[in-house]
Amino acid sequence: MVDVVAGLRDAVERRGPEYEYEYAKVLGKYLAWSETHIEKLDPFRRIWLPQGERPGLSFDEGRERKRQHPQGW
């Protein structure tokens, strides 16, 4: 979908501002909407960082501790 929207955006921009047909305006609005949603839905564009303090153990140490204490003590 990203390639399709990018191709449509290029086609609209190549026609220039003097191209005043109504469907070009509607297509421009649709492309703006599509680009916004593509950006919002792309999981690689928004990476949620963990909240709170940084753990005192490394990842491997934490995994080993969970293995030794599965009940969480």
PDB file of N, CA and C in Angstrom:
ATOM      1  N   MET A   1       0.823  -1.191   0.000  1.00  0.00           N
ATOM      2  CA  MET A   1       0.000   0.000   0.000  1.00  0.00           C
ATOM      3  C   MET A   1       0.867   1.254   0.000  1.00  0.00           C
ATOM      4  N   VAL A   2       1.989   1.182   0.688  1.00  0.00           N
ATOM      5  CA  VAL A   2       2.876   2.336   0.754  1.00  0.00           C
ATOM      6  C   VAL A   2       3.328   2.740  -0.655  1.00  0.00           C
ATOM      7  N   ASP A   3       3.684   1.754  -1.480  1.00  0.00           N
ATOM      8  CA  ASP A   3       4.136   2.044  -2.842  1.00  0.00           C
ATOM      9  C   ASP A   3       3.015   2.644  -3.695  1.00  0.00           C
ATOM     10  N   VAL A   4       1.812   2.149  -3.510  1.00  0.00           N
ATOM     11  CA  VAL A   4       0.667   2.665  -4.278  1.00  0.00           C
ATOM     12  C   VAL A   4       0.403   4.117  -3.910  1.00  0.00           C
ATOM     13  N   VAL A   5       0.374   4.412  -2.626  1.00  0.00           N
ATOM     14  CA  VAL A   5       0.115   5.784  -2.171  1.00  0.00           C
ATOM     15  C   VAL A   5       1.240   6.712  -2.636  1.00  0.00           C
ATOM     16  N   ALA A   6       2.488   6.251  -2.552  1.00  0.00           N
ATOM     17  CA  ALA A   6       3.615   7.080  -3.008  1.00  0.00           C
ATOM     18  C   ALA A   6       3.514   7.340  -4.511  1.00  0.00           C
ATOM     19  N   GLY A   7       3.140   6.330  -5.294  1.00  0.00           N
ATOM     20  CA  GLY A   7       2.976   6.511  -6.732  1.00  0.00           C
ATOM     21  C   GLY A   7       1.865   7.488  -7.070  1.00  0.00           C
ATOM     22  N   LEU A   8       0.751   7.384  -6.359  1.00  0.00           N
ATOM     23  CA  LEU A   8      -0.348   8.327  -6.582  1.00  0.00           C
ATOM     24  C   LEU A   8       0.059   9.746  -6.199  1.00  0.00           C
ATOM     25  N   ARG A   9       0.785   9.873  -5.097  1.00  0.00           N
ATOM     26  CA  ARG A   9       1.233  11.203  -4.660  1.00  0.00           C
ATOM     27  C   ARG A   9       2.146  11.819  -5.727  1.00  0.00           C
ATOM     28  N   ASP A  10       3.062  11.042  -6.272  1.00  0.00           N
ATOM     29  CA  ASP A  10       3.948  11.543  -7.335  1.00  0.00           C
ATOM     30  C   ASP A  10       3.144  11.985  -8.557  1.00  0.00           C
ATOM     31  N   ALA A  11       2.147  11.193  -8.936  1.00  0.00           N
ATOM     32  CA  ALA A  11       1.333  11.528 -10.108  1.00  0.00           C
ATOM     33  C   ALA A  11       0.571  12.833  -9.892  1.00  0.00           C
ATOM     34  N   VAL A  12       0.021  13.034  -8.709  1.00  0.00           N
ATOM     35  CA  VAL A  12      -0.718  14.265  -8.412  1.00  0.00           C
ATOM     36  C   VAL A  12       0.232  15.456  -8.424  1.00  0.00           C
ATOM     37  N   GLU A  13       1.403  15.310  -7.842  1.00  0.00           N
ATOM     38  CA  GLU A  13       2.354  16.426  -7.785  1.00  0.00           C
ATOM     39  C   GLU A  13       2.917  16.763  -9.169  1.00  0.00           C
ATOM     40  N   ARG A  14       3.070  15.786 -10.033  1.00  0.00           N
ATOM     41  CA  ARG A  14       3.571  16.047 -11.393  1.00  0.00           C
ATOM     42  C   ARG A  14       2.586  16.877 -12.208  1.00  0.00           C
ATOM     43  N   ARG A  15       1.314  16.742 -11.924  1.00  0.00           N
ATOM     44  CA  ARG A  15       0.306  17.503 -12.676  1.00  0.00           C
ATOM     45  C   ARG A  15       0.353  18.985 -12.320  1.00  0.00           C
ATOM     46  N   GLY A  16       0.821  19.313 -11.138  1.00  0.00           N
ATOM     47  CA  GLY A  16       0.994  20.709 -10.747  1.00  0.00           C
ATOM     48  C   GLY A  16      -0.279  21.364 -10.252  1.00  0.00           C
ATOM     49  N   PRO A  17      -0.148  22.566  -9.699  1.00  0.00           N
ATOM     50  CA  PRO A  17      -1.297  23.267  -9.107  1.00  0.00           C
ATOM     51  C   PRO A  17      -2.307  23.759 -10.143  1.00  0.00           C
ATOM     52  N   GLU A  18      -1.905  23.870 -11.419  1.00  0.00           N
ATOM     53  CA  GLU A  18      -2.839  24.344 -12.428  1.00  0.00           C
ATOM     54  C   GLU A  18      -3.860  23.286 -12.815  1.00  0.00           C
ATOM     55  N   TYR A  19      -3.662  22.047 -12.365  1.00  0.00           N
ATOM     56  CA  TYR A  19      -4.583  20.954 -12.672  1.00  0.00           C
ATOM     57  C   TYR A  19      -5.742  21.025 -11.690  1.00  0.00           C
ATOM     58  N   GLU A  20      -6.870  21.564 -12.098  1.00  0.00           N
ATOM     59  CA  GLU A  20      -7.951  21.914 -11.180  1.00  0.00           C
ATOM     60  C   GLU A  20      -9.167  21.002 -11.228  1.00  0.00           C
ATOM     61  N   TYR A  21      -9.079  19.818 -11.796  1.00  0.00           N
ATOM     62  CA  TYR A  21     -10.244  18.947 -11.829  1.00  0.00           C
ATOM     63  C   TYR A  21     -10.603  18.499 -10.425  1.00  0.00           C
ATOM     64  N   GLU A  22     -11.885  18.335 -10.202  1.00  0.00           N
ATOM     65  CA  GLU A  22     -12.386  17.994  -8.858  1.00  0.00           C
ATOM     66  C   GLU A  22     -11.819  16.679  -8.345  1.00  0.00           C
ATOM     67  N   TYR A  23     -11.675  15.675  -9.216  1.00  0.00           N
ATOM     68  CA  TYR A  23     -11.176  14.390  -8.711  1.00  0.00           C
ATOM     69  C   TYR A  23      -9.737  14.504  -8.225  1.00  0.00           C
ATOM     70  N   ALA A  24      -8.957  15.445  -8.770  1.00  0.00           N
ATOM     71  CA  ALA A  24      -7.587  15.637  -8.285  1.00  0.00           C
ATOM     72  C   ALA A  24      -7.605  16.158  -6.847  1.00  0.00           C
ATOM     73  N   LYS A  25      -8.543  17.021  -6.526  1.00  0.00           N
ATOM     74  CA  LYS A  25      -8.669  17.535  -5.158  1.00  0.00           C
ATOM     75  C   LYS A  25      -9.077  16.413  -4.206  1.00  0.00           C
ATOM     76  N   VAL A  26     -10.045  15.624  -4.638  1.00  0.00           N
ATOM     77  CA  VAL A  26     -10.502  14.500  -3.812  1.00  0.00           C
ATOM     78  C   VAL A  26      -9.374  13.498  -3.621  1.00  0.00           C
ATOM     79  N   LEU A  27      -8.634  13.211  -4.692  1.00  0.00           N
ATOM     80  CA  LEU A  27      -7.511  12.288  -4.595  1.00  0.00           C
ATOM     81  C   LEU A  27      -6.440  12.836  -3.650  1.00  0.00           C
ATOM     82  N   GLY A  28      -6.191  14.119  -3.713  1.00  0.00           N
ATOM     83  CA  GLY A  28      -5.221  14.741  -2.798  1.00  0.00           C
ATOM     84  C   GLY A  28      -5.628  14.570  -1.342  1.00  0.00           C
ATOM     85  N   LYS A  29      -6.909  14.757  -1.054  1.00  0.00           N
ATOM     86  CA  LYS A  29      -7.404  14.561   0.317  1.00  0.00           C
ATOM     87  C   LYS A  29      -7.270  13.105   0.745  1.00  0.00           C
ATOM     88  N   TYR A  30      -7.598  12.200  -0.173  1.00  0.00           N
ATOM     89  CA  TYR A  30      -7.469  10.774   0.139  1.00  0.00           C
ATOM     90  C   TYR A  30      -6.013  10.407   0.407  1.00  0.00           C
ATOM     91  N   LEU A  31      -5.115  10.934  -0.396  1.00  0.00           N
ATOM     92  CA  LEU A  31      -3.693  10.627  -0.196  1.00  0.00           C
ATOM     93  C   LEU A  31      -3.191  11.160   1.135  1.00  0.00           C
ATOM     94  N   ALA A  32      -3.607  12.363   1.506  1.00  0.00           N
ATOM     95  CA  ALA A  32      -3.202  12.921   2.799  1.00  0.00           C
ATOM     96  C   ALA A  32      -3.704  12.026   3.930  1.00  0.00           C
ATOM     97  N   TRP A  33      -4.951  11.578   3.832  1.00  0.00           N
ATOM     98  CA  TRP A  33      -5.519  10.672   4.835  1.00  0.00           C
ATOM     99  C   TRP A  33      -4.736   9.358   4.861  1.00  0.00           C
ATOM    100  N   SER A  34      -4.462   8.797   3.674  1.00  0.00           N
ATOM    101  CA  SER A  34      -3.752   7.518   3.579  1.00  0.00           C
ATOM    102  C   SER A  34      -2.350   7.619   4.169  1.00  0.00           C
ATOM    103  N   GLU A  35      -1.635   8.673   3.846  1.00  0.00           N
ATOM    104  CA  GLU A  35      -0.271   8.840   4.353  1.00  0.00           C
ATOM    105  C   GLU A  35      -0.251   8.957   5.874  1.00  0.00           C
ATOM    106  N   THR A  36      -1.231   9.653   6.420  1.00  0.00           N
ATOM    107  CA  THR A  36      -1.323   9.778   7.879  1.00  0.00           C
ATOM    108  C   THR A  36      -1.547   8.410   8.514  1.00  0.00           C
ATOM    109  N   HIS A  37      -2.463   7.635   7.970  1.00  0.00           N
ATOM    110  CA  HIS A  37      -2.757   6.323   8.543  1.00  0.00           C
ATOM    111  C   HIS A  37      -1.628   5.327   8.326  1.00  0.00           C
ATOM    112  N   ILE A  38      -0.955   5.397   7.201  1.00  0.00           N
ATOM    113  CA  ILE A  38       0.194   4.512   6.981  1.00  0.00           C
ATOM    114  C   ILE A  38       1.249   4.773   8.041  1.00  0.00           C
ATOM    115  N   GLU A  39       1.503   6.041   8.314  1.00  0.00           N
ATOM    116  CA  GLU A  39       2.519   6.384   9.315  1.00  0.00           C
ATOM    117  C   GLU A  39       2.093   5.928  10.709  1.00  0.00           C
ATOM    118  N   LYS A  40       0.825   6.128  11.048  1.00  0.00           N
ATOM    119  CA  LYS A  40       0.344   5.740  12.381  1.00  0.00           C
ATOM    120  C   LYS A  40       0.347   4.228  12.579  1.00  0.00           C
ATOM    121  N   LEU A  41       0.080   3.466  11.511  1.00  0.00           N
ATOM    122  CA  LEU A  41      -0.046   2.021  11.636  1.00  0.00           C
ATOM    123  C   LEU A  41       1.264   1.267  11.472  1.00  0.00           C
ATOM    124  N   ASP A  42       2.309   1.928  11.014  1.00  0.00           N
ATOM    125  CA  ASP A  42       3.588   1.259  10.787  1.00  0.00           C
ATOM    126  C   ASP A  42       4.277   0.996  12.122  1.00  0.00           C
ATOM    127  N   PRO A  43       4.406  -0.275  12.536  1.00  0.00           N
ATOM    128  CA  PRO A  43       4.984  -0.567  13.852  1.00  0.00           C
ATOM    129  C   PRO A  43       6.455  -0.183  13.950  1.00  0.00           C
ATOM    130  N   PHE A  44       7.147  -0.046  12.830  1.00  0.00           N
ATOM    131  CA  PHE A  44       8.558   0.314  12.883  1.00  0.00           C
ATOM    132  C   PHE A  44       8.773   1.817  13.016  1.00  0.00           C
ATOM    133  N   ARG A  45       7.721   2.608  12.849  1.00  0.00           N
ATOM    134  CA  ARG A  45       7.843   4.064  13.004  1.00  0.00           C
ATOM    135  C   ARG A  45       7.613   4.504  14.446  1.00  0.00           C
ATOM    136  N   ARG A  46       7.001   3.651  15.220  1.00  0.00           N
ATOM    137  CA  ARG A  46       6.770   4.002  16.633  1.00  0.00           C
ATOM    138  C   ARG A  46       7.194   2.831  17.500  1.00  0.00           C
ATOM    139  N   ILE A  47       8.279   3.003  18.153  1.00  0.00           N
ATOM    140  CA  ILE A  47       8.800   1.964  19.040  1.00  0.00           C
ATOM    141  C   ILE A  47       8.587   2.464  20.466  1.00  0.00           C
ATOM    142  N   TRP A  48       7.771   1.722  21.201  1.00  0.00           N
ATOM    143  CA  TRP A  48       7.457   2.109  22.564  1.00  0.00           C
ATOM    144  C   TRP A  48       8.587   1.681  23.486  1.00  0.00           C
ATOM    145  N   LEU A  49       9.153   2.623  24.190  1.00  0.00           N
ATOM    146  CA  LEU A  49      10.215   2.328  25.137  1.00  0.00           C
ATOM    147  C   LEU A  49       9.596   1.933  26.469  1.00  0.00           C
ATOM    148  N   PRO A  50      10.272   1.052  27.212  1.00  0.00           N
ATOM    149  CA  PRO A  50       9.743   0.655  28.517  1.00  0.00           C
ATOM    150  C   PRO A  50       9.691   1.850  29.468  1.00  0.00           C
ATOM    151  N   GLN A  51       8.685   1.846  30.309  1.00  0.00           N
ATOM    152  CA  GLN A  51       8.524   2.907  31.293  1.00  0.00           C
ATOM    153  C   GLN A  51       9.183   2.490  32.607  1.00  0.00           C
ATOM    154  N   GLY A  52       9.546   3.468  33.418  1.00  0.00           N
ATOM    155  CA  GLY A  52      10.108   3.177  34.735  1.00  0.00           C
ATOM    156  C   GLY A  52      11.622   3.167  34.739  1.00  0.00           C
ATOM    157  N   GLU A  53      12.141   2.730  35.849  1.00  0.00           N
ATOM    158  CA  GLU A  53      13.581   2.704  36.053  1.00  0.00           C
ATOM    159  C   GLU A  53      14.233   1.585  35.252  1.00  0.00           C
ATOM    160  N   ARG A  54      15.477   1.795  34.927  1.00  0.00           N
ATOM    161  CA  ARG A  54      16.240   0.774  34.213  1.00  0.00           C
ATOM    162  C   ARG A  54      16.520  -0.384  35.168  1.00  0.00           C
ATOM    163  N   PRO A  55      16.346  -1.635  34.733  1.00  0.00           N
ATOM    164  CA  PRO A  55      16.583  -2.781  35.619  1.00  0.00           C
ATOM    165  C   PRO A  55      18.041  -2.864  36.046  1.00  0.00           C
ATOM    166  N   GLY A  56      18.253  -3.384  37.243  1.00  0.00           N
ATOM    167  CA  GLY A  56      19.603  -3.538  37.768  1.00  0.00           C
ATOM    168  C   GLY A  56      20.335  -4.730  37.169  1.00  0.00           C
ATOM    169  N   LEU A  57      19.595  -5.651  36.558  1.00  0.00           N
ATOM    170  CA  LEU A  57      20.201  -6.843  35.984  1.00  0.00           C
ATOM    171  C   LEU A  57      20.247  -6.729  34.465  1.00  0.00           C
ATOM    172  N   SER A  58      21.212  -7.392  33.857  1.00  0.00           N
ATOM    173  CA  SER A  58      21.240  -7.465  32.404  1.00  0.00           C
ATOM    174  C   SER A  58      20.113  -8.398  31.949  1.00  0.00           C
ATOM    175  N   PHE A  59      19.865  -8.443  30.666  1.00  0.00           N
ATOM    176  CA  PHE A  59      18.824  -9.315  30.135  1.00  0.00           C
ATOM    177  C   PHE A  59      19.105 -10.771  30.491  1.00  0.00           C
ATOM    178  N   ASP A  60      20.355 -11.206  30.271  1.00  0.00           N
ATOM    179  CA  ASP A  60      20.718 -12.602  30.575  1.00  0.00           C
ATOM    180  C   ASP A  60      20.607 -12.898  32.061  1.00  0.00           C
ATOM    181  N   GLU A  61      21.028 -11.959  32.910  1.00  0.00           N
ATOM    182  CA  GLU A  61      20.910 -12.148  34.363  1.00  0.00           C
ATOM    183  C   GLU A  61      19.439 -12.236  34.782  1.00  0.00           C
ATOM    184  N   GLY A  62      18.604 -11.399  34.213  1.00  0.00           N
ATOM    185  CA  GLY A  62      17.178 -11.442  34.530  1.00  0.00           C
ATOM    186  C   GLY A  62      16.528 -12.739  34.084  1.00  0.00           C
ATOM    187  N   ARG A  63      16.902 -13.226  32.918  1.00  0.00           N
ATOM    188  CA  ARG A  63      16.363 -14.494  32.426  1.00  0.00           C
ATOM    189  C   ARG A  63      16.804 -15.649  33.326  1.00  0.00           C
ATOM    190  N   GLU A  64      18.053 -15.638  33.753  1.00  0.00           N
ATOM    191  CA  GLU A  64      18.552 -16.686  34.645  1.00  0.00           C
ATOM    192  C   GLU A  64      17.836 -16.619  36.000  1.00  0.00           C
ATOM    193  N   ARG A  65      17.614 -15.414  36.493  1.00  0.00           N
ATOM    194  CA  ARG A  65      16.910 -15.267  37.776  1.00  0.00           C
ATOM    195  C   ARG A  65      15.476 -15.797  37.662  1.00  0.00           C
ATOM    196  N   LYS A  66      14.796 -15.504  36.552  1.00  0.00           N
ATOM    197  CA  LYS A  66      13.433 -16.038  36.354  1.00  0.00           C
ATOM    198  C   LYS A  66      13.442 -17.548  36.283  1.00  0.00           C
ATOM    199  N   ARG A  67      14.469 -18.116  35.656  1.00  0.00           N
ATOM    200  CA  ARG A  67      14.563 -19.560  35.564  1.00  0.00           C
ATOM    201  C   ARG A  67      14.753 -20.169  36.950  1.00  0.00           C
ATOM    202  N   GLN A  68      15.560 -19.559  37.781  1.00  0.00           N
ATOM    203  CA  GLN A  68      15.827 -20.076  39.112  1.00  0.00           C
ATOM    204  C   GLN A  68      14.667 -19.808  40.084  1.00  0.00           C
ATOM    205  N   HIS A  69      13.952 -18.730  39.861  1.00  0.00           N
ATOM    206  CA  HIS A  69      12.849 -18.348  40.765  1.00  0.00           C
ATOM    207  C   HIS A  69      11.573 -18.094  39.957  1.00  0.00           C
ATOM    208  N   PRO A  70      10.953 -19.125  39.429  1.00  0.00           N
ATOM    209  CA  PRO A  70       9.770 -18.909  38.573  1.00  0.00           C
ATOM    210  C   PRO A  70       8.581 -18.297  39.323  1.00  0.00           C
ATOM    211  N   GLN A  71       8.547 -18.412  40.633  1.00  0.00           N
ATOM    212  CA  GLN A  71       7.432 -17.847  41.403  1.00  0.00           C
ATOM    213  C   GLN A  71       7.585 -16.335  41.577  1.00  0.00           C
ATOM    214  N   GLY A  72       8.739 -15.761  41.167  1.00  0.00           N
ATOM    215  CA  GLY A  72       8.914 -14.321  41.186  1.00  0.00           C
ATOM    216  C   GLY A  72       9.477 -13.737  42.470  1.00  0.00           C
ATOM    217  N   TRP A  73      10.064 -14.574  43.348  1.00  0.00           N
ATOM    218  CA  TRP A  73      10.623 -14.011  44.574  1.00  0.00           C
ATOM    219  C   TRP A  73      12.011 -13.535  44.352  1.00  0.00           C
TER     220      TRP A  73
END
